[in-house]
């Protein structure tokens, strides 16, 4: 019994590792370091909501906080509520593409964190409740920015995010 459980655990860990192969393990990403402490010069928060054909896609906790390296990327999450923390040791402009790169997930016109648009579909992006027509990777991360990305229909205008809870 013990051997069977151990093999099952090993297989699960092996599969989990394969799924997260693109996740950085402490090396710099887009010039963003993974430091032992969170930066304190620039400290701002944004909210990211992703929908795959109307169904929410979770932005997980601990994005940018690799256990293997025991460090914090300047862009990271703490909880699975979609709040991005920018905690940098210097003033710098960061964008949504930087966050997705730290997360190790795609952000393209047809694929958002693995949510894939079907043929003849598109993604729709809202920034602070307004439609955004540009490249979503270029969206500058500013204090209390609210970004919603819908992969495929229904493309409903999102309700504003208000649960900042002191962030």
N, C-alpha and C. Protein backbone atom coordinates (compact mmCIF):
# COMPACT_ATOMS: atom_id res chain seq x y z
N UNK A 1 0.83 -1.20 0.00
CA UNK A 1 0.00 0.00 0.00
C UNK A 1 0.87 1.26 0.00
N UNK A 2 1.91 1.26 0.85
CA UNK A 2 2.79 2.42 0.95
C UNK A 2 3.47 2.71 -0.40
N UNK A 3 3.91 1.65 -1.09
CA UNK A 3 4.56 1.81 -2.37
C UNK A 3 3.60 2.38 -3.42
N UNK A 4 2.37 1.92 -3.41
CA UNK A 4 1.37 2.40 -4.37
C UNK A 4 1.11 3.89 -4.15
N UNK A 5 0.95 4.28 -2.89
CA UNK A 5 0.72 5.70 -2.57
C UNK A 5 1.93 6.52 -3.00
N UNK A 6 3.13 6.04 -2.71
CA UNK A 6 4.34 6.77 -3.08
C UNK A 6 4.45 6.94 -4.59
N UNK A 7 4.12 5.87 -5.34
CA UNK A 7 4.14 5.97 -6.80
C UNK A 7 3.10 6.96 -7.31
N UNK A 8 1.93 6.96 -6.70
CA UNK A 8 0.87 7.89 -7.11
C UNK A 8 1.30 9.33 -6.84
N UNK A 9 1.90 9.56 -5.68
CA UNK A 9 2.37 10.91 -5.34
C UNK A 9 3.48 11.33 -6.31
N UNK A 10 4.42 10.43 -6.58
CA UNK A 10 5.51 10.75 -7.50
C UNK A 10 4.97 11.06 -8.90
N UNK A 11 3.99 10.29 -9.35
CA UNK A 11 3.40 10.54 -10.67
C UNK A 11 2.69 11.89 -10.70
N UNK A 12 1.96 12.21 -9.64
CA UNK A 12 1.26 13.49 -9.58
C UNK A 12 2.25 14.65 -9.60
N UNK A 13 3.32 14.52 -8.83
CA UNK A 13 4.33 15.59 -8.80
C UNK A 13 5.01 15.71 -10.16
N UNK A 14 5.27 14.59 -10.79
CA UNK A 14 5.88 14.61 -12.11
C UNK A 14 4.99 15.32 -13.12
N UNK A 15 3.69 15.03 -13.10
CA UNK A 15 2.75 15.69 -14.01
C UNK A 15 2.64 17.17 -13.69
N UNK A 16 2.60 17.51 -12.41
CA UNK A 16 2.50 18.92 -12.02
C UNK A 16 3.72 19.68 -12.51
N UNK A 17 4.90 19.07 -12.38
CA UNK A 17 6.11 19.72 -12.84
C UNK A 17 6.12 19.93 -14.35
N UNK A 18 5.59 18.95 -15.07
CA UNK A 18 5.55 19.07 -16.52
C UNK A 18 4.63 20.20 -16.94
N UNK A 19 3.52 20.37 -16.23
CA UNK A 19 2.56 21.42 -16.58
C UNK A 19 3.13 22.81 -16.30
N UNK A 20 4.06 22.90 -15.36
CA UNK A 20 4.60 24.19 -14.95
C UNK A 20 6.03 24.39 -15.44
N UNK A 21 6.43 23.66 -16.49
CA UNK A 21 7.82 23.72 -16.95
C UNK A 21 8.24 25.13 -17.34
N UNK A 22 7.32 25.95 -17.82
CA UNK A 22 7.66 27.29 -18.27
C UNK A 22 7.75 28.30 -17.13
N UNK A 23 7.37 27.90 -15.93
CA UNK A 23 7.38 28.83 -14.80
C UNK A 23 8.82 29.08 -14.37
N UNK A 24 9.24 30.34 -14.28
CA UNK A 24 10.61 30.65 -13.89
C UNK A 24 10.93 30.14 -12.49
N UNK A 25 12.18 29.75 -12.29
CA UNK A 25 12.60 29.20 -11.01
C UNK A 25 13.62 30.10 -10.32
N UNK A 26 13.48 31.40 -10.48
CA UNK A 26 14.35 32.33 -9.79
C UNK A 26 15.26 33.14 -10.69
N UNK A 27 15.43 32.73 -11.95
CA UNK A 27 16.26 33.50 -12.88
C UNK A 27 15.51 34.76 -13.30
N UNK A 28 16.22 35.83 -13.66
CA UNK A 28 15.54 37.06 -14.09
C UNK A 28 14.63 36.82 -15.29
N UNK A 29 13.51 37.52 -15.30
CA UNK A 29 12.53 37.45 -16.39
C UNK A 29 12.25 38.89 -16.83
N UNK A 30 12.48 39.19 -18.09
CA UNK A 30 12.26 40.55 -18.61
C UNK A 30 13.01 41.59 -17.77
N UNK A 31 14.16 41.23 -17.22
CA UNK A 31 14.92 42.15 -16.38
C UNK A 31 14.39 42.26 -14.96
N UNK A 32 13.41 41.44 -14.62
CA UNK A 32 12.79 41.46 -13.29
C UNK A 32 13.45 40.36 -12.46
N UNK A 33 14.11 40.77 -11.38
CA UNK A 33 14.80 39.80 -10.53
C UNK A 33 13.85 39.14 -9.54
N UNK A 34 14.32 38.04 -9.01
CA UNK A 34 13.62 37.34 -7.93
C UNK A 34 14.50 37.51 -6.69
N UNK A 35 14.09 38.43 -5.81
CA UNK A 35 14.90 38.79 -4.65
C UNK A 35 14.41 38.08 -3.39
N UNK A 36 15.27 38.07 -2.38
CA UNK A 36 14.92 37.41 -1.12
C UNK A 36 13.83 38.15 -0.35
N UNK A 37 13.72 39.45 -0.57
CA UNK A 37 12.70 40.26 0.09
C UNK A 37 11.89 41.00 -0.98
N UNK A 38 10.66 41.35 -0.64
CA UNK A 38 9.85 42.16 -1.55
C UNK A 38 10.43 43.57 -1.61
N UNK A 39 10.41 44.17 -2.79
CA UNK A 39 10.88 45.53 -2.93
C UNK A 39 9.94 46.51 -2.25
N UNK A 40 10.47 47.67 -1.86
CA UNK A 40 9.64 48.63 -1.12
C UNK A 40 9.61 50.02 -1.75
N UNK A 41 10.33 50.25 -2.82
CA UNK A 41 10.34 51.58 -3.44
C UNK A 41 9.05 51.81 -4.22
N UNK A 42 8.67 50.86 -5.05
CA UNK A 42 7.42 50.93 -5.81
C UNK A 42 6.51 49.80 -5.31
N UNK A 43 5.36 50.16 -4.76
CA UNK A 43 4.44 49.16 -4.20
C UNK A 43 3.02 49.52 -4.63
N UNK A 44 2.54 48.84 -5.68
CA UNK A 44 1.21 49.11 -6.23
C UNK A 44 0.50 47.78 -6.51
N UNK A 45 -0.82 47.85 -6.72
CA UNK A 45 -1.63 46.65 -6.94
C UNK A 45 -2.57 46.83 -8.12
N UNK A 46 -2.82 45.72 -8.83
CA UNK A 46 -3.75 45.70 -9.95
C UNK A 46 -4.65 44.47 -9.78
N UNK A 47 -5.75 44.46 -10.54
CA UNK A 47 -6.62 43.29 -10.53
C UNK A 47 -6.73 42.75 -11.95
N UNK A 48 -6.60 41.42 -12.08
CA UNK A 48 -6.71 40.75 -13.37
C UNK A 48 -7.79 39.67 -13.27
N UNK A 49 -8.78 39.75 -14.15
CA UNK A 49 -9.81 38.71 -14.27
C UNK A 49 -9.74 38.15 -15.68
N UNK A 50 -9.75 36.82 -15.77
CA UNK A 50 -9.71 36.14 -17.07
C UNK A 50 -10.94 35.25 -17.15
N UNK A 51 -11.60 35.28 -18.31
CA UNK A 51 -12.77 34.41 -18.55
C UNK A 51 -12.55 33.62 -19.82
N UNK A 52 -12.81 32.33 -19.74
CA UNK A 52 -12.73 31.43 -20.88
C UNK A 52 -14.15 31.08 -21.30
N UNK A 53 -14.65 31.77 -22.34
CA UNK A 53 -16.02 31.57 -22.82
C UNK A 53 -17.01 31.72 -21.67
N UNK A 54 -16.81 32.77 -20.87
CA UNK A 54 -17.72 33.10 -19.79
C UNK A 54 -17.40 32.47 -18.45
N UNK A 55 -16.48 31.51 -18.41
CA UNK A 55 -16.13 30.84 -17.15
C UNK A 55 -14.84 31.42 -16.60
N UNK A 56 -14.81 31.73 -15.29
CA UNK A 56 -13.61 32.33 -14.71
C UNK A 56 -12.40 31.39 -14.77
N UNK A 57 -11.24 31.98 -15.05
CA UNK A 57 -9.96 31.29 -15.00
C UNK A 57 -9.23 31.86 -13.79
N UNK A 58 -8.81 31.02 -12.89
CA UNK A 58 -8.15 31.48 -11.66
C UNK A 58 -6.73 31.95 -11.95
N UNK A 59 -6.43 33.14 -11.47
CA UNK A 59 -5.04 33.59 -11.41
C UNK A 59 -4.54 33.08 -10.06
N UNK A 60 -3.65 32.10 -10.06
CA UNK A 60 -3.34 31.40 -8.81
C UNK A 60 -2.54 32.23 -7.81
N UNK A 61 -2.55 31.75 -6.58
CA UNK A 61 -1.68 32.34 -5.57
C UNK A 61 -0.24 31.93 -5.88
N UNK A 62 0.67 32.69 -5.36
CA UNK A 62 2.11 32.42 -5.45
C UNK A 62 2.69 32.49 -6.86
N UNK A 63 2.02 33.16 -7.80
CA UNK A 63 2.68 33.47 -9.07
C UNK A 63 3.86 34.38 -8.73
N UNK A 64 5.02 34.11 -9.25
CA UNK A 64 6.19 34.95 -8.99
C UNK A 64 6.81 34.72 -7.62
N UNK A 65 6.47 33.61 -6.99
CA UNK A 65 7.06 33.26 -5.69
C UNK A 65 7.48 31.80 -5.73
N UNK A 66 8.50 31.46 -6.53
CA UNK A 66 8.89 30.06 -6.70
C UNK A 66 9.44 29.46 -5.41
N UNK A 67 8.84 28.35 -5.00
CA UNK A 67 9.29 27.68 -3.77
C UNK A 67 10.72 27.18 -3.91
N UNK A 68 11.07 26.72 -5.11
CA UNK A 68 12.40 26.19 -5.35
C UNK A 68 13.47 27.23 -5.07
N UNK A 69 13.23 28.46 -5.44
CA UNK A 69 14.23 29.53 -5.28
C UNK A 69 14.02 30.33 -4.00
N UNK A 70 12.88 30.19 -3.36
CA UNK A 70 12.55 30.93 -2.14
C UNK A 70 12.83 32.42 -2.30
N UNK A 71 12.18 33.01 -3.30
CA UNK A 71 12.37 34.43 -3.56
C UNK A 71 11.07 35.02 -4.08
N UNK A 72 11.07 36.34 -4.25
CA UNK A 72 9.90 37.07 -4.74
C UNK A 72 10.28 37.82 -6.01
N UNK A 73 9.57 37.53 -7.11
CA UNK A 73 9.71 38.40 -8.27
C UNK A 73 9.02 39.71 -7.93
N UNK A 74 9.44 40.79 -8.56
CA UNK A 74 8.86 42.10 -8.27
C UNK A 74 7.38 42.14 -8.62
N UNK A 75 6.93 41.27 -9.52
CA UNK A 75 5.51 41.11 -9.86
C UNK A 75 5.10 39.73 -9.36
N UNK A 76 4.09 39.68 -8.51
CA UNK A 76 3.68 38.39 -7.95
C UNK A 76 2.26 38.46 -7.41
N UNK A 77 1.75 37.30 -7.01
CA UNK A 77 0.46 37.23 -6.32
C UNK A 77 0.68 36.56 -4.97
N UNK A 78 -0.23 36.82 -4.05
CA UNK A 78 -0.22 36.14 -2.75
C UNK A 78 -1.40 35.19 -2.63
N UNK A 79 -2.52 35.57 -3.21
CA UNK A 79 -3.77 34.83 -3.07
C UNK A 79 -4.40 34.64 -4.46
N UNK A 80 -5.35 33.70 -4.60
CA UNK A 80 -5.95 33.45 -5.91
C UNK A 80 -7.13 34.36 -6.23
N UNK A 81 -7.00 35.65 -5.90
CA UNK A 81 -8.10 36.60 -6.11
C UNK A 81 -7.86 37.53 -7.30
N UNK A 82 -6.77 37.31 -8.04
CA UNK A 82 -6.48 38.12 -9.21
C UNK A 82 -5.73 39.40 -8.90
N UNK A 83 -5.41 39.65 -7.64
CA UNK A 83 -4.66 40.87 -7.31
C UNK A 83 -3.18 40.63 -7.56
N UNK A 84 -2.62 41.48 -8.43
CA UNK A 84 -1.19 41.45 -8.75
C UNK A 84 -0.50 42.46 -7.83
N UNK A 85 0.59 42.05 -7.24
CA UNK A 85 1.40 42.93 -6.39
C UNK A 85 2.66 43.30 -7.17
N UNK A 86 2.88 44.59 -7.34
CA UNK A 86 4.14 45.09 -7.89
C UNK A 86 4.90 45.66 -6.70
N UNK A 87 5.99 45.00 -6.34
CA UNK A 87 6.80 45.43 -5.19
C UNK A 87 8.25 45.40 -5.65
N UNK A 88 8.70 46.56 -6.12
CA UNK A 88 9.99 46.68 -6.78
C UNK A 88 10.96 47.51 -5.95
N UNK A 89 12.26 47.19 -6.03
CA UNK A 89 13.25 47.99 -5.32
C UNK A 89 13.58 49.30 -6.03
N UNK A 90 12.97 49.54 -7.20
CA UNK A 90 13.20 50.80 -7.91
C UNK A 90 11.96 51.17 -8.72
N UNK A 91 11.89 52.44 -9.08
CA UNK A 91 10.78 52.90 -9.91
C UNK A 91 11.02 52.43 -11.34
N UNK A 92 10.06 51.73 -11.87
CA UNK A 92 10.17 51.16 -13.21
C UNK A 92 8.76 50.96 -13.73
N UNK A 93 8.60 51.03 -15.03
CA UNK A 93 7.30 50.76 -15.64
C UNK A 93 7.21 49.27 -15.96
N UNK A 94 6.14 48.65 -15.47
CA UNK A 94 5.88 47.23 -15.75
C UNK A 94 4.60 47.13 -16.56
N UNK A 95 4.47 46.06 -17.31
CA UNK A 95 3.25 45.87 -18.09
C UNK A 95 2.69 44.47 -17.88
N UNK A 96 1.49 44.26 -18.40
CA UNK A 96 0.81 42.98 -18.21
C UNK A 96 1.61 41.83 -18.82
N UNK A 97 2.29 42.10 -19.92
CA UNK A 97 3.15 41.07 -20.52
C UNK A 97 4.23 40.61 -19.57
N UNK A 98 4.81 41.53 -18.79
CA UNK A 98 5.81 41.15 -17.79
C UNK A 98 5.22 40.18 -16.78
N UNK A 99 3.99 40.47 -16.31
CA UNK A 99 3.36 39.58 -15.33
C UNK A 99 3.15 38.19 -15.93
N UNK A 100 2.64 38.11 -17.15
CA UNK A 100 2.41 36.80 -17.77
C UNK A 100 3.74 36.07 -17.99
N UNK A 101 4.81 36.78 -18.29
CA UNK A 101 6.12 36.13 -18.45
C UNK A 101 6.61 35.57 -17.12
N UNK A 102 6.45 36.32 -16.03
CA UNK A 102 6.82 35.81 -14.71
C UNK A 102 5.95 34.60 -14.36
N UNK A 103 4.67 34.66 -14.72
CA UNK A 103 3.73 33.56 -14.48
C UNK A 103 4.08 32.33 -15.33
N UNK A 104 4.77 32.56 -16.46
CA UNK A 104 5.10 31.46 -17.36
C UNK A 104 3.92 31.05 -18.22
N UNK A 105 3.01 32.00 -18.48
CA UNK A 105 1.81 31.71 -19.25
C UNK A 105 1.75 32.59 -20.50
N UNK A 106 1.11 32.11 -21.57
CA UNK A 106 0.99 32.92 -22.78
C UNK A 106 -0.04 34.03 -22.64
N UNK A 107 0.20 35.11 -23.34
CA UNK A 107 -0.77 36.20 -23.49
C UNK A 107 -0.67 36.66 -24.94
N UNK A 108 -1.53 36.06 -25.78
CA UNK A 108 -1.54 36.37 -27.21
C UNK A 108 -2.97 36.72 -27.62
N UNK A 109 -3.16 37.00 -28.89
CA UNK A 109 -4.50 37.36 -29.35
C UNK A 109 -5.44 36.16 -29.40
N UNK A 110 -4.90 34.94 -29.20
CA UNK A 110 -5.76 33.75 -29.21
C UNK A 110 -5.59 32.85 -27.99
N UNK A 111 -4.60 33.13 -27.13
CA UNK A 111 -4.33 32.26 -25.98
C UNK A 111 -3.99 33.13 -24.77
N UNK A 112 -4.79 32.98 -23.73
CA UNK A 112 -4.57 33.73 -22.49
C UNK A 112 -4.48 32.72 -21.36
N UNK A 113 -3.26 32.51 -20.86
CA UNK A 113 -3.04 31.58 -19.75
C UNK A 113 -3.62 30.20 -20.04
N UNK A 114 -3.52 29.77 -21.29
CA UNK A 114 -4.02 28.46 -21.66
C UNK A 114 -5.46 28.43 -22.12
N UNK A 115 -6.21 29.50 -21.91
CA UNK A 115 -7.58 29.60 -22.44
C UNK A 115 -7.45 29.96 -23.92
N UNK A 116 -7.92 29.08 -24.77
CA UNK A 116 -7.69 29.20 -26.20
C UNK A 116 -8.95 29.66 -26.93
N UNK A 117 -8.82 30.72 -27.72
CA UNK A 117 -9.93 31.15 -28.57
C UNK A 117 -10.11 30.14 -29.70
N UNK A 118 -11.35 29.85 -30.02
CA UNK A 118 -11.64 28.93 -31.12
C UNK A 118 -11.53 29.68 -32.45
N UNK A 119 -11.58 28.93 -33.54
CA UNK A 119 -11.49 29.53 -34.87
C UNK A 119 -12.56 30.61 -35.02
N UNK A 120 -12.18 31.74 -35.58
CA UNK A 120 -13.06 32.90 -35.80
C UNK A 120 -13.49 33.59 -34.51
N UNK A 121 -12.84 33.27 -33.39
CA UNK A 121 -13.10 33.99 -32.13
C UNK A 121 -11.92 34.90 -31.85
N UNK A 122 -12.09 35.74 -30.87
CA UNK A 122 -11.05 36.69 -30.49
C UNK A 122 -11.06 36.81 -28.97
N UNK A 123 -10.11 37.57 -28.48
CA UNK A 123 -10.17 37.95 -27.07
C UNK A 123 -10.68 39.38 -27.01
N UNK A 124 -11.35 39.70 -25.93
CA UNK A 124 -11.79 41.07 -25.67
C UNK A 124 -11.14 41.50 -24.36
N UNK A 125 -10.66 42.73 -24.33
CA UNK A 125 -9.94 43.24 -23.16
C UNK A 125 -10.61 44.53 -22.70
N UNK A 126 -10.81 44.63 -21.39
CA UNK A 126 -11.31 45.85 -20.77
C UNK A 126 -10.28 46.33 -19.76
N UNK A 127 -10.03 47.63 -19.77
CA UNK A 127 -9.15 48.26 -18.79
C UNK A 127 -9.97 49.31 -18.07
N UNK A 128 -10.13 49.13 -16.78
CA UNK A 128 -10.95 50.03 -15.96
C UNK A 128 -12.34 50.22 -16.56
N UNK A 129 -12.91 49.13 -17.07
CA UNK A 129 -14.27 49.14 -17.60
C UNK A 129 -14.42 49.60 -19.03
N UNK A 130 -13.32 50.00 -19.67
CA UNK A 130 -13.37 50.48 -21.06
C UNK A 130 -12.70 49.47 -21.99
N UNK A 131 -13.29 49.27 -23.17
CA UNK A 131 -12.69 48.35 -24.14
C UNK A 131 -11.29 48.84 -24.50
N UNK A 132 -10.40 47.90 -24.62
CA UNK A 132 -9.01 48.18 -24.96
C UNK A 132 -8.71 47.48 -26.28
N UNK A 133 -8.24 48.23 -27.27
CA UNK A 133 -8.03 47.68 -28.60
C UNK A 133 -6.57 47.34 -28.89
N UNK A 134 -5.66 47.74 -28.02
CA UNK A 134 -4.24 47.51 -28.27
C UNK A 134 -3.78 46.12 -27.86
N UNK A 135 -2.47 45.94 -27.87
CA UNK A 135 -1.86 44.69 -27.46
C UNK A 135 -1.95 44.58 -25.94
N UNK A 136 -2.63 43.55 -25.40
CA UNK A 136 -2.77 43.46 -23.95
C UNK A 136 -1.44 43.32 -23.21
N UNK A 137 -0.41 42.82 -23.87
CA UNK A 137 0.90 42.70 -23.22
C UNK A 137 1.46 44.08 -22.87
N UNK A 138 1.03 45.11 -23.60
CA UNK A 138 1.56 46.47 -23.41
C UNK A 138 0.82 47.26 -22.33
N UNK A 139 -0.21 46.71 -21.72
CA UNK A 139 -0.98 47.45 -20.71
C UNK A 139 -0.08 47.75 -19.52
N UNK A 140 0.10 49.03 -19.23
CA UNK A 140 0.95 49.45 -18.12
C UNK A 140 0.26 49.17 -16.79
N UNK A 141 1.01 48.57 -15.87
CA UNK A 141 0.47 48.26 -14.54
C UNK A 141 0.58 49.48 -13.64
N UNK A 142 -0.56 50.09 -13.36
CA UNK A 142 -0.63 51.27 -12.49
C UNK A 142 -1.49 50.93 -11.27
N UNK A 143 -1.46 51.78 -10.27
CA UNK A 143 -2.19 51.52 -9.03
C UNK A 143 -3.69 51.34 -9.29
N UNK A 144 -4.23 50.24 -8.78
CA UNK A 144 -5.65 49.89 -8.84
C UNK A 144 -6.19 49.75 -10.26
N UNK A 145 -5.32 49.42 -11.19
CA UNK A 145 -5.75 49.11 -12.55
C UNK A 145 -6.60 47.85 -12.50
N UNK A 146 -7.69 47.84 -13.25
CA UNK A 146 -8.60 46.70 -13.30
C UNK A 146 -8.65 46.19 -14.74
N UNK A 147 -8.10 45.00 -14.98
CA UNK A 147 -8.05 44.42 -16.33
C UNK A 147 -8.91 43.16 -16.37
N UNK A 148 -9.77 43.09 -17.36
CA UNK A 148 -10.57 41.88 -17.60
C UNK A 148 -10.30 41.42 -19.03
N UNK A 149 -10.00 40.13 -19.17
CA UNK A 149 -9.77 39.54 -20.49
C UNK A 149 -10.77 38.41 -20.68
N UNK A 150 -11.51 38.49 -21.77
CA UNK A 150 -12.51 37.48 -22.11
C UNK A 150 -12.02 36.74 -23.36
N UNK A 151 -11.83 35.43 -23.23
CA UNK A 151 -11.42 34.59 -24.35
C UNK A 151 -12.68 33.97 -24.93
N UNK A 152 -13.08 34.41 -26.10
CA UNK A 152 -14.32 33.93 -26.71
C UNK A 152 -15.53 34.61 -26.12
N UNK A 153 -16.70 34.45 -26.77
CA UNK A 153 -17.92 35.10 -26.30
C UNK A 153 -18.34 34.58 -24.93
N UNK A 154 -19.09 35.34 -24.15
CA UNK A 154 -20.08 36.32 -24.55
C UNK A 154 -19.58 37.76 -24.60
N UNK A 155 -18.35 38.07 -24.24
CA UNK A 155 -17.81 39.43 -24.31
C UNK A 155 -18.66 40.44 -23.54
N UNK A 156 -19.08 40.08 -22.36
CA UNK A 156 -19.91 40.97 -21.54
C UNK A 156 -19.03 42.01 -20.85
N UNK A 157 -19.52 43.25 -20.80
CA UNK A 157 -18.79 44.31 -20.09
C UNK A 157 -18.70 43.92 -18.61
N UNK A 158 -17.50 43.93 -18.05
CA UNK A 158 -17.34 43.49 -16.66
C UNK A 158 -17.80 44.53 -15.65
N UNK A 159 -18.21 44.04 -14.50
CA UNK A 159 -18.49 44.93 -13.37
C UNK A 159 -17.15 45.41 -12.83
N UNK A 160 -17.08 46.62 -12.31
CA UNK A 160 -15.81 47.11 -11.77
C UNK A 160 -15.40 46.31 -10.54
N UNK A 161 -14.09 46.10 -10.40
CA UNK A 161 -13.55 45.41 -9.23
C UNK A 161 -13.41 46.43 -8.11
N UNK A 162 -13.93 46.11 -6.94
CA UNK A 162 -13.88 47.06 -5.81
C UNK A 162 -13.32 46.43 -4.54
N UNK A 163 -12.99 45.16 -4.55
CA UNK A 163 -12.57 44.46 -3.33
C UNK A 163 -11.06 44.58 -3.10
N UNK A 164 -10.58 45.80 -2.99
CA UNK A 164 -9.14 46.01 -2.82
C UNK A 164 -8.65 45.64 -1.43
N UNK A 165 -9.52 45.64 -0.44
CA UNK A 165 -9.16 45.20 0.92
C UNK A 165 -7.86 45.82 1.42
N UNK A 166 -7.72 47.10 1.25
CA UNK A 166 -6.53 47.79 1.75
C UNK A 166 -5.33 47.73 0.84
N UNK A 167 -5.42 47.03 -0.27
CA UNK A 167 -4.28 46.94 -1.20
C UNK A 167 -4.16 48.20 -2.03
